[in-house]
Amino acid sequence: MRTDGNYGRAPAYAPNSEGYWTATPEVMEPPLPIEDAMWRYDPASDPTDDCYHSGGDLYRIMNETEKEALIGNTARNIAPCSENIKYRHAVHCSWADPDYGTRITKALKLGLKKVKKLAKGNHDELVKATLPGGKFKTKTCEMNCACCKKPCIEQKYLDDMK
């Protein structure tokens, strides 16, 4: 039985929005002597690794009804998340397809200029800009939409929740 609080609400995965469990090079496994030195592969350090291309390809083959369903489902399901997570997701959508990013940004009532500015950077810059304590709110929405005076998603997507 654990008696140490089991790390409380700290996320048990990395990377994460809280900045926990980042790589610590001084305690990492040393390189293996294989013809040349070999280190653990980190896809984030591969400039040719494009994690967003296939998502954009899928979005571009969807018809308008499917795109609208995707945006609505995403908006309703990400609505309870904090603003920093929403901005991070909107940028990821923009990297997949500019129209996808614009539509999810509008559905989540985020600032399109902010998303476009963040999308000009790389992933490390995005994570740093959206970490807690930065310029975005980290308080989550309580999703009490029926009596909310300022809903965090567009009304047309709220209507689908009834």
C-alpha atoms as a PDB file:
ATOM      1  CA  MET A   1       0.000   0.000   0.000  1.00  0.00           C
ATOM      2  CA  ARG A   2       1.345   3.436  -0.947  1.00  0.00           C
ATOM      3  CA  THR A   3       1.573   6.067   1.737  1.00  0.00           C
ATOM      4  CA  ASP A   4       3.344   8.807  -0.215  1.00  0.00           C
ATOM      5  CA  GLY A   5       0.258  10.262  -1.907  1.00  0.00           C
ATOM      6  CA  ASN A   6       1.113   8.479  -5.163  1.00  0.00           C
ATOM      7  CA  TYR A   7       2.401  11.786  -6.583  1.00  0.00           C
ATOM      8  CA  GLY A   8      -1.008  13.404  -6.124  1.00  0.00           C
ATOM      9  CA  ARG A   9      -2.452  14.770  -9.354  1.00  0.00           C
ATOM     10  CA  ALA A  10       0.895  14.764 -11.187  1.00  0.00           C
ATOM     11  CA  PRO A  11       0.560  13.232 -14.652  1.00  0.00           C
ATOM     12  CA  ALA A  12       2.113   9.807 -15.073  1.00  0.00           C
ATOM     13  CA  TYR A  13       3.247  10.384 -18.667  1.00  0.00           C
ATOM     14  CA  ALA A  14       5.650  12.563 -20.597  1.00  0.00           C
ATOM     15  CA  PRO A  15       5.583  14.925 -22.304  1.00  0.00           C
ATOM     16  CA  ASN A  16       2.822  16.637 -20.362  1.00  0.00           C
ATOM     17  CA  SER A  17       1.505  20.126 -19.719  1.00  0.00           C
ATOM     18  CA  GLU A  18       2.739  20.265 -16.164  1.00  0.00           C
ATOM     19  CA  GLY A  19       6.442  19.994 -16.967  1.00  0.00           C
ATOM     20  CA  TYR A  20       6.873  16.809 -14.915  1.00  0.00           C
ATOM     21  CA  TRP A  21       9.048  13.855 -15.883  1.00  0.00           C
ATOM     22  CA  THR A  22      11.225  15.595 -18.426  1.00  0.00           C
ATOM     23  CA  ALA A  23      14.306  13.795 -19.714  1.00  0.00           C
ATOM     24  CA  THR A  24      17.343  14.073 -17.449  1.00  0.00           C
ATOM     25  CA  PRO A  25      20.436  13.526 -19.619  1.00  0.00           C
ATOM     26  CA  GLU A  26      22.796  13.077 -16.662  1.00  0.00           C
ATOM     27  CA  VAL A  27      20.982   9.904 -15.582  1.00  0.00           C
ATOM     28  CA  MET A  28      20.060   8.530 -19.014  1.00  0.00           C
ATOM     29  CA  GLU A  29      21.384   5.235 -20.254  1.00  0.00           C
ATOM     30  CA  PRO A  30      24.846   5.696 -21.799  1.00  0.00           C
ATOM     31  CA  PRO A  31      25.315   5.137 -25.534  1.00  0.00           C
ATOM     32  CA  LEU A  32      25.983   1.624 -26.742  1.00  0.00           C
ATOM     33  CA  PRO A  33      29.264   1.065 -28.630  1.00  0.00           C
ATOM     34  CA  ILE A  34      27.898  -0.148 -31.986  1.00  0.00           C
ATOM     35  CA  GLU A  35      30.294   0.774 -34.822  1.00  0.00           C
ATOM     36  CA  ASP A  36      29.492   4.339 -33.805  1.00  0.00           C
ATOM     37  CA  ALA A  37      27.818   5.684 -30.717  1.00  0.00           C
ATOM     38  CA  MET A  38      24.084   5.036 -30.627  1.00  0.00           C
ATOM     39  CA  TRP A  39      21.642   6.864 -28.384  1.00  0.00           C
ATOM     40  CA  ARG A  40      18.020   6.257 -27.581  1.00  0.00           C
ATOM     41  CA  TYR A  41      15.935   7.481 -30.521  1.00  0.00           C
ATOM     42  CA  ASP A  42      13.882  10.550 -29.793  1.00  0.00           C
ATOM     43  CA  PRO A  43      11.401  11.277 -32.608  1.00  0.00           C
ATOM     44  CA  ALA A  44      11.134  14.885 -31.441  1.00  0.00           C
ATOM     45  CA  SER A  45      14.738  15.459 -32.490  1.00  0.00           C
ATOM     46  CA  ASP A  46      14.072  14.185 -36.035  1.00  0.00           C
ATOM     47  CA  PRO A  47      13.374  17.221 -38.263  1.00  0.00           C
ATOM     48  CA  THR A  48      11.800  14.966 -40.912  1.00  0.00           C
ATOM     49  CA  ASP A  49       9.235  13.490 -38.499  1.00  0.00           C
ATOM     50  CA  ASP A  50       5.854  15.046 -39.417  1.00  0.00           C
ATOM     51  CA  CYS A  51       3.229  13.851 -36.953  1.00  0.00           C
ATOM     52  CA  TYR A  52       0.494  16.020 -38.457  1.00  0.00           C
ATOM     53  CA  HIS A  53       0.638  15.154 -42.173  1.00  0.00           C
ATOM     54  CA  SER A  54      -1.594  12.071 -42.038  1.00  0.00           C
ATOM     55  CA  GLY A  55      -4.212  13.851 -39.906  1.00  0.00           C
ATOM     56  CA  GLY A  56      -4.330  16.618 -42.499  1.00  0.00           C
ATOM     57  CA  ASP A  57      -4.658  14.083 -45.312  1.00  0.00           C
ATOM     58  CA  LEU A  58      -7.636  12.499 -43.580  1.00  0.00           C
ATOM     59  CA  TYR A  59      -9.251  15.897 -42.945  1.00  0.00           C
ATOM     60  CA  ARG A  60      -8.848  16.896 -46.614  1.00  0.00           C
ATOM     61  CA  ILE A  61     -10.683  13.809 -47.898  1.00  0.00           C
ATOM     62  CA  MET A  62     -13.653  14.347 -45.557  1.00  0.00           C
ATOM     63  CA  ASN A  63     -16.819  15.869 -46.974  1.00  0.00           C
ATOM     64  CA  GLU A  64     -18.366  18.926 -45.324  1.00  0.00           C
ATOM     65  CA  THR A  65     -20.745  16.888 -43.131  1.00  0.00           C
ATOM     66  CA  GLU A  66     -17.864  14.787 -41.812  1.00  0.00           C
ATOM     67  CA  LYS A  67     -15.708  17.861 -41.164  1.00  0.00           C
ATOM     68  CA  GLU A  68     -18.542  19.533 -39.265  1.00  0.00           C
ATOM     69  CA  ALA A  69     -19.073  16.367 -37.190  1.00  0.00           C
ATOM     70  CA  LEU A  70     -15.341  16.220 -36.401  1.00  0.00           C
ATOM     71  CA  ILE A  71     -15.230  19.869 -35.324  1.00  0.00           C
ATOM     72  CA  GLY A  72     -18.418  19.560 -33.241  1.00  0.00           C
ATOM     73  CA  ASN A  73     -17.344  16.340 -31.522  1.00  0.00           C
ATOM     74  CA  THR A  74     -13.899  17.734 -30.793  1.00  0.00           C
ATOM     75  CA  ALA A  75     -15.269  21.049 -29.490  1.00  0.00           C
ATOM     76  CA  ARG A  76     -17.726  19.330 -27.140  1.00  0.00           C
ATOM     77  CA  ASN A  77     -15.146  16.885 -25.842  1.00  0.00           C
ATOM     78  CA  ILE A  78     -12.250  19.307 -25.405  1.00  0.00           C
ATOM     79  CA  ALA A  79     -14.464  22.046 -23.893  1.00  0.00           C
ATOM     80  CA  PRO A  80     -13.761  21.018 -20.268  1.00  0.00           C
ATOM     81  CA  CYS A  81      -9.987  21.284 -20.843  1.00  0.00           C
ATOM     82  CA  SER A  82      -7.989  24.317 -19.832  1.00  0.00           C
ATOM     83  CA  GLU A  83      -7.274  27.114 -22.310  1.00  0.00           C
ATOM     84  CA  ASN A  84      -3.603  26.197 -22.692  1.00  0.00           C
ATOM     85  CA  ILE A  85      -4.553  22.684 -23.838  1.00  0.00           C
ATOM     86  CA  LYS A  86      -7.148  24.075 -26.257  1.00  0.00           C
ATOM     87  CA  TYR A  87      -4.568  26.391 -27.817  1.00  0.00           C
ATOM     88  CA  ARG A  88      -2.084  23.562 -28.124  1.00  0.00           C
ATOM     89  CA  HIS A  89      -4.696  21.390 -29.841  1.00  0.00           C
ATOM     90  CA  ALA A  90      -5.742  24.193 -32.211  1.00  0.00           C
ATOM     91  CA  VAL A  91      -2.122  24.639 -33.287  1.00  0.00           C
ATOM     92  CA  HIS A  92      -1.778  20.895 -33.871  1.00  0.00           C
ATOM     93  CA  CYS A  93      -4.900  21.047 -36.053  1.00  0.00           C
ATOM     94  CA  SER A  94      -3.420  24.016 -37.941  1.00  0.00           C
ATOM     95  CA  TRP A  95      -0.251  22.063 -38.597  1.00  0.00           C
ATOM     96  CA  ALA A  96      -2.388  19.249 -40.022  1.00  0.00           C
ATOM     97  CA  ASP A  97      -4.462  21.575 -42.237  1.00  0.00           C
ATOM     98  CA  PRO A  98      -4.950  25.366 -42.056  1.00  0.00           C
ATOM     99  CA  ASP A  99      -8.739  25.107 -42.525  1.00  0.00           C
ATOM    100  CA  TYR A 100      -8.949  22.468 -39.784  1.00  0.00           C
ATOM    101  CA  GLY A 101      -7.033  24.771 -37.427  1.00  0.00           C
ATOM    102  CA  THR A 102      -9.173  27.788 -38.263  1.00  0.00           C
ATOM    103  CA  ARG A 103     -12.434  25.902 -37.764  1.00  0.00           C
ATOM    104  CA  ILE A 104     -11.452  24.313 -34.444  1.00  0.00           C
ATOM    105  CA  THR A 105     -10.132  27.698 -33.247  1.00  0.00           C
ATOM    106  CA  LYS A 106     -13.477  29.353 -34.010  1.00  0.00           C
ATOM    107  CA  ALA A 107     -15.461  26.457 -32.498  1.00  0.00           C
ATOM    108  CA  LEU A 108     -13.472  26.768 -29.255  1.00  0.00           C
ATOM    109  CA  LYS A 109     -13.735  30.582 -29.266  1.00  0.00           C
ATOM    110  CA  LEU A 110      -9.956  31.002 -29.226  1.00  0.00           C
ATOM    111  CA  GLY A 111      -7.948  33.850 -30.705  1.00  0.00           C
ATOM    112  CA  LEU A 112      -7.123  33.037 -34.338  1.00  0.00           C
ATOM    113  CA  LYS A 113      -4.179  35.477 -34.359  1.00  0.00           C
ATOM    114  CA  LYS A 114      -2.712  33.763 -31.287  1.00  0.00           C
ATOM    115  CA  VAL A 115      -3.102  30.316 -32.864  1.00  0.00           C
ATOM    116  CA  LYS A 116      -1.482  31.453 -36.119  1.00  0.00           C
ATOM    117  CA  LYS A 117       1.404  33.029 -34.204  1.00  0.00           C
ATOM    118  CA  LEU A 118       1.946  29.870 -32.149  1.00  0.00           C
ATOM    119  CA  ALA A 119       1.726  27.746 -35.319  1.00  0.00           C
ATOM    120  CA  LYS A 120       4.748  29.563 -36.780  1.00  0.00           C
ATOM    121  CA  GLY A 121       6.972  28.025 -34.112  1.00  0.00           C
ATOM    122  CA  ASN A 122       8.043  24.439 -33.560  1.00  0.00           C
ATOM    123  CA  HIS A 123       6.645  21.893 -31.100  1.00  0.00           C
ATOM    124  CA  ASP A 124       9.104  22.719 -28.316  1.00  0.00           C
ATOM    125  CA  GLU A 125       8.195  26.408 -28.565  1.00  0.00           C
ATOM    126  CA  LEU A 126       4.486  25.526 -28.508  1.00  0.00           C
ATOM    127  CA  VAL A 127       4.852  23.393 -25.378  1.00  0.00           C
ATOM    128  CA  LYS A 128       6.871  26.110 -23.651  1.00  0.00           C
ATOM    129  CA  ALA A 129       4.314  28.792 -24.597  1.00  0.00           C
ATOM    130  CA  THR A 130       1.399  26.716 -23.304  1.00  0.00           C
ATOM    131  CA  LEU A 131       2.870  25.456 -20.032  1.00  0.00           C
ATOM    132  CA  PRO A 132       0.982  26.368 -16.846  1.00  0.00           C
ATOM    133  CA  GLY A 133       1.976  29.746 -15.505  1.00  0.00           C
ATOM    134  CA  GLY A 134       2.188  31.212 -19.002  1.00  0.00           C
ATOM    135  CA  LYS A 135      -0.183  33.546 -20.796  1.00  0.00           C
ATOM    136  CA  PHE A 136      -3.062  31.056 -21.078  1.00  0.00           C
ATOM    137  CA  LYS A 137      -5.562  30.087 -18.406  1.00  0.00           C
ATOM    138  CA  THR A 138      -5.125  26.675 -16.843  1.00  0.00           C
ATOM    139  CA  LYS A 139      -8.477  26.588 -15.050  1.00  0.00           C
ATOM    140  CA  THR A 140     -10.765  23.970 -16.530  1.00  0.00           C
ATOM    141  CA  CYS A 141     -14.358  24.598 -17.602  1.00  0.00           C
ATOM    142  CA  GLU A 142     -17.009  22.981 -15.403  1.00  0.00           C
ATOM    143  CA  MET A 143     -19.214  22.256 -18.443  1.00  0.00           C
ATOM    144  CA  ASN A 144     -22.362  23.499 -16.765  1.00  0.00           C
ATOM    145  CA  CYS A 145     -23.446  24.680 -20.203  1.00  0.00           C
ATOM    146  CA  ALA A 146     -27.173  24.907 -19.529  1.00  0.00           C
ATOM    147  CA  CYS A 147     -26.723  27.864 -17.194  1.00  0.00           C
ATOM    148  CA  CYS A 148     -23.379  29.192 -18.427  1.00  0.00           C
ATOM    149  CA  LYS A 149     -23.418  32.896 -19.279  1.00  0.00           C
ATOM    150  CA  LYS A 150     -20.249  32.658 -21.377  1.00  0.00           C
ATOM    151  CA  PRO A 151     -19.981  29.207 -23.012  1.00  0.00           C
ATOM    152  CA  CYS A 152     -16.507  28.166 -24.097  1.00  0.00           C
ATOM    153  CA  ILE A 153     -17.620  26.688 -27.439  1.00  0.00           C
ATOM    154  CA  GLU A 154     -19.824  28.014 -30.247  1.00  0.00           C
ATOM    155  CA  GLN A 155     -23.544  27.838 -29.544  1.00  0.00           C
ATOM    156  CA  LYS A 156     -24.304  25.551 -32.504  1.00  0.00           C
ATOM    157  CA  TYR A 157     -22.133  22.859 -30.916  1.00  0.00           C
ATOM    158  CA  LEU A 158     -23.811  23.339 -27.521  1.00  0.00           C
ATOM    159  CA  ASP A 159     -27.204  22.784 -29.131  1.00  0.00           C
ATOM    160  CA  ASP A 160     -26.030  19.302 -30.170  1.00  0.00           C
ATOM    161  CA  MET A 161     -25.522  18.418 -26.481  1.00  0.00           C
ATOM    162  CA  LYS A 162     -29.224  18.602 -25.639  1.00  0.00           C
END
